[in-house]
């Protein structure tokens, strides 16, 4: 999963359980979206992760707490162009 996630990607927190290394509560909120600042290689003690994600909250979190959100697709929108009305002098 760390190959798919990179800096600038949006991830969804799906697991706000206590920290599995220390047992302390985490400041993350399940269902919240976070932007990834960096991905650090790390063999997590849980055995399910090979990277930590830095999302700007504390230090870094096991990537199993997050799911990658799809990138938004650019859509072309028609724009209105305001042109001045031409008046004809008589």
Protein backbone atom coordinates (compact mmCIF):
# COMPACT_ATOMS: atom_id res chain seq x y z
CA UNK A 1 0.00 0.00 0.00
CA UNK A 2 2.87 2.41 0.65
CA UNK A 3 3.69 2.29 -3.08
CA UNK A 4 0.25 3.65 -3.91
CA UNK A 5 0.28 6.43 -1.29
CA UNK A 6 2.48 9.45 -1.70
CA UNK A 7 2.85 12.99 -0.38
CA UNK A 8 -0.19 15.14 -1.16
CA UNK A 9 -2.66 12.23 -1.35
CA UNK A 10 -5.89 12.26 0.63
CA UNK A 11 -6.54 9.38 3.01
CA UNK A 12 -9.56 8.45 5.10
CA UNK A 13 -9.04 7.39 8.72
CA UNK A 14 -10.85 4.07 9.21
CA UNK A 15 -9.30 2.99 12.52
CA UNK A 16 -9.04 5.35 15.48
CA UNK A 17 -8.34 2.56 17.98
CA UNK A 18 -5.70 3.18 20.66
CA UNK A 19 -2.08 3.13 19.56
CA UNK A 20 -1.14 -0.56 19.22
CA UNK A 21 2.45 0.08 20.34
CA UNK A 22 1.81 2.17 23.46
CA UNK A 23 -1.92 1.65 24.16
CA UNK A 24 -2.51 5.41 24.45
CA UNK A 25 -5.55 6.99 22.75
CA UNK A 26 -4.88 8.57 19.38
CA UNK A 27 -5.92 12.09 18.30
CA UNK A 28 -7.20 10.82 14.94
CA UNK A 29 -10.93 10.76 14.20
CA UNK A 30 -12.51 7.86 12.32
CA UNK A 31 -14.20 9.14 9.16
CA UNK A 32 -11.96 12.22 8.93
CA UNK A 33 -9.92 12.97 5.82
CA UNK A 34 -6.22 13.76 6.14
CA UNK A 35 -3.56 14.88 3.64
CA UNK A 36 -0.33 12.86 3.60
CA UNK A 37 2.79 14.95 4.17
CA UNK A 38 5.29 12.09 3.91
CA UNK A 39 5.57 8.31 3.82
CA UNK A 40 8.30 6.74 5.96
CA UNK A 41 9.43 3.13 5.57
CA UNK A 42 8.96 1.31 8.86
CA UNK A 43 8.26 -2.30 9.75
CA UNK A 44 5.31 -1.78 12.10
CA UNK A 45 5.07 -4.16 15.10
CA UNK A 46 1.53 -5.14 14.03
CA UNK A 47 3.05 -6.95 11.04
CA UNK A 48 0.45 -5.59 8.60
CA UNK A 49 2.22 -2.40 7.60
CA UNK A 50 5.51 -1.48 5.98
CA UNK A 51 5.21 2.30 6.32
CA UNK A 52 4.20 5.14 8.60
CA UNK A 53 2.17 8.06 7.26
CA UNK A 54 2.77 11.60 8.47
CA UNK A 55 -0.60 13.38 8.31
CA UNK A 56 0.36 16.38 10.44
CA UNK A 57 -1.06 14.94 13.67
CA UNK A 58 1.63 13.90 16.16
CA UNK A 59 4.47 11.96 14.50
CA UNK A 60 3.44 9.14 12.17
CA UNK A 61 0.71 6.53 12.00
CA UNK A 62 0.55 2.95 10.76
CA UNK A 63 -0.81 2.92 7.23
CA UNK A 64 -3.41 0.29 8.22
CA UNK A 65 -5.38 3.09 9.91
CA UNK A 66 -6.04 4.75 6.54
CA UNK A 67 -7.57 4.07 3.15
CA UNK A 68 -6.49 5.95 0.05
CA UNK A 69 -9.19 8.18 -1.42
CA UNK A 70 -9.49 8.40 -5.21
CA UNK A 71 -8.09 11.50 -6.82
CA UNK A 72 -10.78 13.95 -7.96
CA UNK A 73 -11.28 13.99 -11.71
CA UNK A 74 -11.08 17.32 -13.44
CA UNK A 75 -14.30 18.33 -15.13
CA UNK A 76 -14.63 20.98 -17.79
CA UNK A 77 -17.33 23.47 -16.90
CA UNK A 78 -18.78 25.95 -19.34
CA UNK A 79 -17.99 29.48 -18.29
CA UNK A 80 -20.14 32.50 -18.87
CA UNK A 81 -18.42 35.31 -20.63
CA UNK A 82 -19.82 38.71 -19.90
CA UNK A 83 -19.47 41.01 -22.86
CA UNK A 84 -20.49 44.66 -22.75
CA UNK A 85 -23.70 45.48 -24.58
CA UNK A 86 -23.13 47.44 -27.70
CA UNK A 87 -25.35 50.46 -28.11
CA UNK A 88 -26.02 52.06 -31.44
CA UNK A 89 -26.29 55.83 -31.59
CA UNK A 90 -29.03 57.19 -33.81
